[in-house]
């Protein structure tokens, strides 16, 4: 439970701005086409952290790393809360994004503490925290912004991060390392993963998966706030509840992975992901269609993400922090592409254009899976042997 909460709060620091982008833009005088950079800045910090900070989990006590990263993420949130100029807001978001990679250190730690036969179920539970954070952030942000303004969101997150730092030091087990690799060796090892077919194929699936996810959640507030709905930020935030329903329903994907069906789960979920855009594309016509589409999309994203991580941590069990960090590089790049792409396409072609973009990303992920599905099956057999 603590691992899941850490993931939820840490990842919320990156996504919490999405439902209140318009309000932040109005406060700071930003044009609509540039709003996506508020989200992308945090993603870029996250990308740097994935490459440079997450591999440290293969070197040092992860309890101390998690505590330190949570505290530094709180500093970033505090800067964002007091920012009166764009550069200070972006600086705070970069710092928060950089140390929000505590999520991946936490996931790798949870995987290592799990018995092999229960790794998928554990990853499903902890990764549910990630999805809860991404989607619950929208509900939290919408409500807090309506009550006390958008800055209150960052104040609350800073307080939560500090509280979690204390819980980590008190409740998590120590993680001593008898043999410590050098930082250079760990980075070289991470670079070597990019020559592994299983790693690259699952990374590409994650890239397109979260690009599609980013198109929806970075852009959905735009059509919902426009004609004919004119929904408030609090009302838009409530759509996160639909996403939570889908994500939590997919938490059982880990059980399927434990039973050797991770590859089948991935393919089926990607089909659902592509199909979900036929419903979410109706945002200008039917709110109920959007709810259905959001539930299906988030179900699919969670199922694929858990299956990917299960396959990778099983295949590279001796360096889980590095493999999770490297895999999440694809995730971060995909999310950034989706966030910037949806706002730019929406300005030119409306929500119909954004929906086509999201569907195209989903179909690309499905194509990568189809071409490489035998690689995952072969790796699964090797692990069993």
Protein backbone atom coordinates (compact mmCIF):
# COMPACT_ATOMS: atom_id res chain seq x y z
CA UNK A 1 0.00 0.00 0.00
CA UNK A 2 2.80 2.42 0.85
CA UNK A 3 4.54 1.68 -2.45
CA UNK A 4 1.30 2.39 -4.32
CA UNK A 5 0.72 5.67 -2.45
CA UNK A 6 4.28 6.82 -3.14
CA UNK A 7 3.74 6.17 -6.85
CA UNK A 8 0.37 7.91 -6.87
CA UNK A 9 1.59 11.12 -5.23
CA UNK A 10 4.90 11.30 -7.09
CA UNK A 11 3.40 10.81 -10.53
CA UNK A 12 0.64 13.31 -9.78
CA UNK A 13 3.27 16.06 -9.68
CA UNK A 14 3.74 15.64 -13.44
CA UNK A 15 0.11 15.38 -14.55
CA UNK A 16 -1.75 17.58 -12.10
CA UNK A 17 -1.55 20.65 -14.34
CA UNK A 18 -3.49 19.08 -17.21
CA UNK A 19 -7.08 19.88 -16.15
CA UNK A 20 -6.16 23.44 -15.13
CA UNK A 21 -3.96 24.39 -18.08
CA UNK A 22 -6.38 27.07 -19.24
CA UNK A 23 -6.50 28.65 -15.78
CA UNK A 24 -2.71 28.67 -15.47
CA UNK A 25 -2.43 30.10 -18.97
CA UNK A 26 -4.87 32.91 -18.19
CA UNK A 27 -3.05 33.73 -14.96
CA UNK A 28 0.36 33.87 -16.62
CA UNK A 29 -0.79 35.27 -19.98
CA UNK A 30 0.10 32.30 -22.20
CA UNK A 31 -1.38 31.55 -25.67
CA UNK A 32 -3.39 28.34 -26.03
CA UNK A 33 -0.91 26.69 -28.40
CA UNK A 34 1.86 26.93 -25.77
CA UNK A 35 -0.07 25.37 -22.89
CA UNK A 36 1.21 21.90 -23.65
CA UNK A 37 4.72 23.00 -22.63
CA UNK A 38 3.61 23.27 -19.01
CA UNK A 39 3.08 19.51 -18.99
CA UNK A 40 5.99 18.79 -21.32
CA UNK A 41 8.48 20.58 -19.06
CA UNK A 42 7.78 18.17 -16.23
CA UNK A 43 8.04 15.27 -18.68
CA UNK A 44 11.45 16.47 -19.86
CA UNK A 45 12.70 16.60 -16.27
CA UNK A 46 11.29 13.13 -15.79
CA UNK A 47 13.14 11.94 -18.91
CA UNK A 48 16.47 13.19 -17.57
CA UNK A 49 15.82 11.57 -14.21
CA UNK A 50 15.04 8.23 -15.84
CA UNK A 51 18.40 8.17 -17.56
CA UNK A 52 20.55 9.57 -14.75
CA UNK A 53 18.82 8.86 -11.42
CA UNK A 54 16.85 5.61 -11.66
CA UNK A 55 19.97 3.46 -12.35
CA UNK A 56 21.22 4.54 -8.92
CA UNK A 57 18.74 2.01 -7.55
CA UNK A 58 21.14 -0.73 -8.70
CA UNK A 59 23.90 0.86 -6.59
CA UNK A 60 22.49 2.28 -3.35
CA UNK A 61 19.97 1.57 -0.59
CA UNK A 62 16.64 2.25 -2.28
CA UNK A 63 14.90 3.23 0.94
CA UNK A 64 17.24 6.23 1.28
CA UNK A 65 16.98 7.03 -2.42
CA UNK A 66 13.18 7.03 -2.30
CA UNK A 67 13.15 9.32 0.75
CA UNK A 68 15.62 11.77 -0.80
CA UNK A 69 13.81 11.95 -4.12
CA UNK A 70 10.45 12.54 -2.45
CA UNK A 71 11.88 15.44 -0.47
CA UNK A 72 13.46 17.05 -3.53
CA UNK A 73 10.24 16.64 -5.51
CA UNK A 74 8.52 18.56 -2.70
CA UNK A 75 10.96 21.43 -3.29
CA UNK A 76 9.90 21.56 -6.94
CA UNK A 77 6.23 21.66 -5.97
CA UNK A 78 6.90 24.51 -3.54
CA UNK A 79 8.56 26.56 -6.29
CA UNK A 80 5.62 25.96 -8.63
CA UNK A 81 3.18 27.03 -5.91
CA UNK A 82 4.82 30.45 -5.45
CA UNK A 83 5.67 31.12 -9.10
CA UNK A 84 4.48 34.44 -10.48
CA UNK A 85 6.46 34.18 -13.73
CA UNK A 86 6.57 31.39 -16.27
CA UNK A 87 10.29 30.65 -15.87
CA UNK A 88 9.93 29.97 -12.13
CA UNK A 89 6.92 27.72 -12.70
CA UNK A 90 8.82 25.75 -15.32
CA UNK A 91 11.87 25.50 -13.05
CA UNK A 92 9.75 24.03 -10.28
CA UNK A 93 8.11 21.58 -12.67
CA UNK A 94 11.48 20.46 -14.05
CA UNK A 95 12.77 19.75 -10.52
CA UNK A 96 9.59 17.91 -9.58
CA UNK A 97 9.70 15.89 -12.80
CA UNK A 98 13.36 15.05 -12.30
CA UNK A 99 12.76 13.51 -8.88
CA UNK A 100 9.34 12.04 -9.68
CA UNK A 101 11.35 9.13 -11.09
CA UNK A 102 11.12 7.87 -7.51
CA UNK A 103 8.15 6.01 -9.03
CA UNK A 104 10.47 3.73 -11.01
CA UNK A 105 12.80 3.15 -8.07
CA UNK A 106 9.73 2.19 -6.06
CA UNK A 107 8.41 -0.18 -8.74
CA UNK A 108 11.80 -1.90 -9.06
CA UNK A 109 12.09 -2.23 -5.26
CA UNK A 110 8.61 -3.76 -5.07
CA UNK A 111 9.46 -6.23 -7.85
CA UNK A 112 12.63 -7.33 -6.07
CA UNK A 113 10.83 -7.82 -2.75
CA UNK A 114 8.20 -10.05 -4.41
CA UNK A 115 8.31 -13.80 -4.87
CA UNK A 116 8.72 -14.69 -8.56
CA UNK A 117 5.29 -16.34 -8.71
CA UNK A 118 3.62 -13.16 -7.37
CA UNK A 119 5.63 -10.50 -9.20
CA UNK A 120 2.86 -9.75 -11.68
CA UNK A 121 0.24 -9.31 -8.97
CA UNK A 122 2.58 -7.04 -7.01
CA UNK A 123 3.38 -4.94 -10.07
CA UNK A 124 -0.32 -4.72 -10.85
CA UNK A 125 -1.07 -3.36 -7.38
CA UNK A 126 1.83 -0.88 -7.33
CA UNK A 127 1.24 0.25 -10.91
CA UNK A 128 -2.39 0.86 -10.00
CA UNK A 129 -0.97 3.54 -7.73
CA UNK A 130 0.67 5.15 -10.75
CA UNK A 131 -2.58 5.21 -12.72
CA UNK A 132 -4.49 6.42 -9.66
CA UNK A 133 -2.00 9.27 -9.36
CA UNK A 134 -2.24 10.22 -13.02
CA UNK A 135 -6.02 10.16 -13.09
CA UNK A 136 -6.82 11.06 -9.49
CA UNK A 137 -4.67 14.17 -9.99
CA UNK A 138 -7.35 15.46 -12.31
CA UNK A 139 -10.08 15.08 -9.72
CA UNK A 140 -7.89 16.64 -7.03
CA UNK A 141 -6.75 19.47 -9.29
CA UNK A 142 -10.24 20.31 -10.49
CA UNK A 143 -11.64 20.49 -6.96
CA UNK A 144 -8.75 22.41 -5.39
CA UNK A 145 -8.54 24.87 -8.27
CA UNK A 146 -12.25 25.62 -7.95
CA UNK A 147 -11.92 26.21 -4.20
CA UNK A 148 -8.55 27.94 -3.74
CA UNK A 149 -6.97 28.41 -7.16
CA UNK A 150 -4.43 26.36 -9.09
CA UNK A 151 -1.53 27.16 -6.73
CA UNK A 152 -3.20 25.25 -3.91
CA UNK A 153 -2.70 22.04 -5.90
CA UNK A 154 1.06 22.33 -5.63
CA UNK A 155 0.94 23.24 -1.96
CA UNK A 156 -1.04 20.09 -1.17
CA UNK A 157 1.33 17.89 -3.17
CA UNK A 158 4.38 19.38 -1.44
CA UNK A 159 2.89 18.57 1.97
CA UNK A 160 2.02 15.01 0.91
CA UNK A 161 5.54 14.41 -0.42
CA UNK A 162 7.11 15.55 2.84
CA UNK A 163 4.78 13.31 4.85
CA UNK A 164 5.63 10.32 2.64
CA UNK A 165 9.34 10.94 3.20
CA UNK A 166 8.79 10.36 6.91
CA UNK A 167 6.76 7.19 6.31
CA UNK A 168 9.41 5.77 3.98
CA UNK A 169 12.18 6.16 6.53
CA UNK A 170 10.01 4.62 9.25
CA UNK A 171 8.26 1.75 7.45
CA UNK A 172 10.28 0.51 4.46
CA UNK A 173 12.96 -2.16 4.95
CA UNK A 174 16.63 -1.30 4.46
CA UNK A 175 18.13 -2.27 1.12
CA UNK A 176 21.88 -2.78 1.73
CA UNK A 177 24.17 -3.63 -1.17
CA UNK A 178 27.06 -6.03 -0.60
CA UNK A 179 28.54 -5.39 -4.04
CA UNK A 180 28.24 -1.90 -5.47
CA UNK A 181 28.73 -1.32 -9.19
CA UNK A 182 30.23 1.93 -10.39
CA UNK A 183 27.93 4.57 -11.82
CA UNK A 184 29.67 4.35 -15.18
CA UNK A 185 29.19 0.58 -15.30
CA UNK A 186 25.51 0.93 -14.50
CA UNK A 187 25.01 3.50 -17.27
CA UNK A 188 26.89 1.30 -19.74
CA UNK A 189 24.66 -1.60 -18.73
CA UNK A 190 21.60 0.58 -19.32
CA UNK A 191 22.88 1.53 -22.77
CA UNK A 192 23.39 -2.14 -23.60
CA UNK A 193 19.68 -2.79 -23.10
CA UNK A 194 18.95 -0.81 -26.26
CA UNK A 195 20.49 -3.67 -28.25
CA UNK A 196 18.05 -6.21 -26.77
CA UNK A 197 15.01 -6.98 -28.96
CA UNK A 198 12.63 -7.65 -26.06
CA UNK A 199 13.58 -4.42 -24.31
CA UNK A 200 13.35 -2.25 -27.43
CA UNK A 201 10.06 -3.76 -28.62
CA UNK A 202 8.40 -3.33 -25.22
CA UNK A 203 9.83 0.18 -25.04
CA UNK A 204 8.36 1.11 -28.41
CA UNK A 205 4.99 -0.28 -27.34
CA UNK A 206 5.23 1.93 -24.24
CA UNK A 207 6.14 4.95 -26.38
CA UNK A 208 3.06 4.67 -28.57
CA UNK A 209 0.87 3.53 -25.64
CA UNK A 210 1.57 6.62 -23.56
CA UNK A 211 1.57 8.93 -26.56
CA UNK A 212 -2.05 7.82 -27.09
CA UNK A 213 -2.71 8.22 -23.36
CA UNK A 214 -1.17 11.71 -23.41
CA UNK A 215 -3.28 12.78 -26.38
CA UNK A 216 -6.42 12.04 -24.39
CA UNK A 217 -5.52 13.40 -20.97
CA UNK A 218 -3.55 16.45 -22.10
CA UNK A 219 -6.20 17.45 -24.62
CA UNK A 220 -9.57 16.34 -23.27
CA UNK A 221 -10.03 19.48 -21.16
CA UNK A 222 -10.03 21.60 -24.34
CA UNK A 223 -13.22 20.24 -26.02
CA UNK A 224 -14.96 19.78 -22.66
CA UNK A 225 -14.36 23.42 -21.78
CA UNK A 226 -15.53 24.63 -25.19
CA UNK A 227 -18.91 24.63 -26.91
CA UNK A 228 -21.38 23.07 -26.35
CA UNK A 229 -20.38 21.93 -22.84
CA UNK A 230 -18.42 24.81 -21.22
CA UNK A 231 -17.56 22.56 -18.26
CA UNK A 232 -15.71 24.00 -15.27
CA UNK A 233 -12.30 22.71 -14.17
CA UNK A 234 -13.96 20.82 -11.31
CA UNK A 235 -16.39 19.12 -13.70
CA UNK A 236 -13.60 18.24 -16.13
CA UNK A 237 -11.60 16.79 -13.27
CA UNK A 238 -14.43 14.36 -12.50
CA UNK A 239 -13.71 12.53 -15.76
CA UNK A 240 -10.68 11.17 -13.95
CA UNK A 241 -13.07 9.00 -11.94
CA UNK A 242 -14.05 7.18 -15.13
CA UNK A 243 -10.39 6.62 -15.87
CA UNK A 244 -9.83 5.24 -12.37
CA UNK A 245 -12.60 2.71 -12.89
CA UNK A 246 -10.90 1.43 -16.01
CA UNK A 247 -7.42 1.38 -14.52
CA UNK A 248 -8.44 -0.41 -11.34
CA UNK A 249 -10.33 -2.97 -13.38
CA UNK A 250 -7.09 -3.79 -15.17
CA UNK A 251 -5.13 -4.43 -11.98
CA UNK A 252 -5.82 -8.13 -12.47
CA UNK A 253 -3.63 -8.05 -15.57
CA UNK A 254 -0.74 -8.95 -13.29
CA UNK A 255 -2.37 -12.28 -12.46
CA UNK A 256 -2.56 -13.08 -16.15
CA UNK A 257 1.14 -12.23 -16.46
CA UNK A 258 1.98 -14.56 -13.55
CA UNK A 259 0.13 -17.30 -15.41
CA UNK A 260 2.27 -16.81 -18.54
CA UNK A 261 -0.25 -14.81 -20.58
CA UNK A 262 1.49 -11.42 -20.55
CA UNK A 263 1.93 -11.35 -24.32
CA UNK A 264 -1.70 -12.27 -25.02
CA UNK A 265 -2.88 -9.63 -22.53
CA UNK A 266 -0.76 -7.03 -24.33
CA UNK A 267 -2.21 -7.75 -27.76
CA UNK A 268 -5.82 -7.81 -26.61
CA UNK A 269 -5.43 -4.60 -24.61
CA UNK A 270 -3.88 -2.77 -27.56
CA UNK A 271 -6.89 -3.68 -29.71
CA UNK A 272 -9.13 -2.18 -27.02
CA UNK A 273 -6.94 0.93 -26.90
CA UNK A 274 -7.39 1.58 -30.60
CA UNK A 275 -11.14 0.92 -30.40
CA UNK A 276 -11.58 3.30 -27.44
CA UNK A 277 -10.90 6.31 -29.67
CA UNK A 278 -14.14 5.73 -31.58
CA UNK A 279 -15.90 6.69 -28.34
CA UNK A 280 -13.61 9.41 -26.95
CA UNK A 281 -13.64 11.04 -30.37
CA UNK A 282 -17.28 11.98 -29.70
CA UNK A 283 -16.33 14.53 -27.01
CA UNK A 284 -18.06 17.34 -28.92
CA UNK A 285 -21.29 15.32 -29.19
CA UNK A 286 -21.74 12.92 -26.27
CA UNK A 287 -20.31 12.99 -22.76
CA UNK A 288 -21.45 9.42 -22.12
CA UNK A 289 -19.43 8.20 -25.09
CA UNK A 290 -16.41 9.95 -23.60
CA UNK A 291 -16.94 8.17 -20.26
CA UNK A 292 -17.04 4.78 -21.98
CA UNK A 293 -13.97 5.60 -24.06
CA UNK A 294 -12.02 6.80 -21.04
CA UNK A 295 -12.79 3.62 -19.07
CA UNK A 296 -11.70 1.37 -21.96
CA UNK A 297 -8.57 3.38 -22.73
CA UNK A 298 -7.32 3.40 -19.16
CA UNK A 299 -8.10 -0.30 -18.75
CA UNK A 300 -5.98 -1.01 -21.82
CA UNK A 301 -3.11 1.24 -20.77
CA UNK A 302 -2.87 -0.36 -17.33
CA UNK A 303 -3.01 -3.91 -18.71
CA UNK A 304 -0.25 -3.29 -21.26
CA UNK A 305 1.96 -1.40 -18.80
CA UNK A 306 1.81 -4.15 -16.17
CA UNK A 307 2.45 -6.87 -18.74
CA UNK A 308 5.44 -5.00 -20.15
CA UNK A 309 7.02 -4.51 -16.74
CA UNK A 310 6.40 -8.12 -15.75
CA UNK A 311 8.17 -9.45 -18.85
CA UNK A 312 11.12 -7.08 -18.44
CA UNK A 313 11.71 -7.58 -14.71
CA UNK A 314 11.51 -11.35 -15.18
CA UNK A 315 13.99 -11.30 -18.07
CA UNK A 316 16.41 -8.85 -16.37
CA UNK A 317 15.93 -9.72 -12.71
CA UNK A 318 19.56 -8.87 -11.85
CA UNK A 319 19.16 -5.17 -12.77
CA UNK A 320 15.53 -4.23 -12.28
CA UNK A 321 16.15 -0.53 -11.58
CA UNK A 322 18.07 -0.03 -14.80
CA UNK A 323 15.58 -1.94 -16.94
CA UNK A 324 12.58 -0.12 -15.45
CA UNK A 325 14.33 3.23 -15.83
CA UNK A 326 15.26 2.51 -19.45
CA UNK A 327 11.78 1.25 -20.29
CA UNK A 328 10.26 4.38 -18.80
CA UNK A 329 12.39 6.56 -21.06
CA UNK A 330 10.08 5.41 -23.84
CA UNK A 331 7.07 6.14 -21.63
CA UNK A 332 8.25 9.67 -20.89
CA UNK A 333 9.03 10.48 -24.51
CA UNK A 334 5.65 9.14 -25.60
CA UNK A 335 3.80 11.16 -22.99
CA UNK A 336 5.64 14.32 -24.01
CA UNK A 337 4.89 13.74 -27.70
CA UNK A 338 1.22 13.11 -26.91
CA UNK A 339 0.93 16.22 -24.72
CA UNK A 340 2.48 18.62 -27.22
CA UNK A 341 0.91 16.93 -30.23
CA UNK A 342 -2.67 17.06 -28.97
CA UNK A 343 -2.64 20.79 -28.19
CA UNK A 344 -1.04 21.64 -31.54
CA UNK A 345 -3.40 19.40 -33.53
CA UNK A 346 -6.43 20.64 -31.59
CA UNK A 347 -5.58 24.24 -32.52
CA UNK A 348 -5.50 23.27 -36.21
CA UNK A 349 -8.12 20.50 -36.56
CA UNK A 350 -10.18 20.39 -33.37
CA UNK A 351 -10.86 17.31 -31.27
CA UNK A 352 -11.49 15.16 -34.35
CA UNK A 353 -7.87 15.70 -35.36
CA UNK A 354 -6.61 14.92 -31.85
CA UNK A 355 -8.68 11.72 -31.79
CA UNK A 356 -7.21 10.54 -35.08
CA UNK A 357 -3.75 11.21 -33.66
CA UNK A 358 -4.50 9.16 -30.54
CA UNK A 359 -5.89 6.27 -32.61
CA UNK A 360 -2.84 6.35 -34.89
CA UNK A 361 -0.51 6.01 -31.89
CA UNK A 362 -2.56 3.04 -30.63
CA UNK A 363 -2.37 1.29 -34.01
CA UNK A 364 1.40 1.84 -34.13
CA UNK A 365 1.73 0.12 -30.73
CA UNK A 366 -0.35 -2.79 -32.01
CA UNK A 367 1.88 -3.13 -35.08
CA UNK A 368 5.03 -3.25 -32.92
CA UNK A 369 3.45 -5.96 -30.77
CA UNK A 370 2.42 -8.01 -33.82
CA UNK A 371 5.92 -7.90 -35.33
CA UNK A 372 7.67 -8.78 -32.05
CA UNK A 373 5.18 -11.04 -30.26
CA UNK A 374 7.36 -14.14 -30.66
CA UNK A 375 10.31 -12.45 -28.92
CA UNK A 376 8.27 -12.10 -25.72
CA UNK A 377 7.10 -15.71 -25.94
CA UNK A 378 10.68 -16.97 -26.39
CA UNK A 379 11.86 -14.93 -23.41
CA UNK A 380 9.08 -16.29 -21.25
CA UNK A 381 10.17 -19.86 -22.07
CA UNK A 382 13.80 -19.01 -21.25
CA UNK A 383 12.79 -17.61 -17.86
CA UNK A 384 10.77 -20.73 -17.06
CA UNK A 385 13.72 -22.95 -17.99
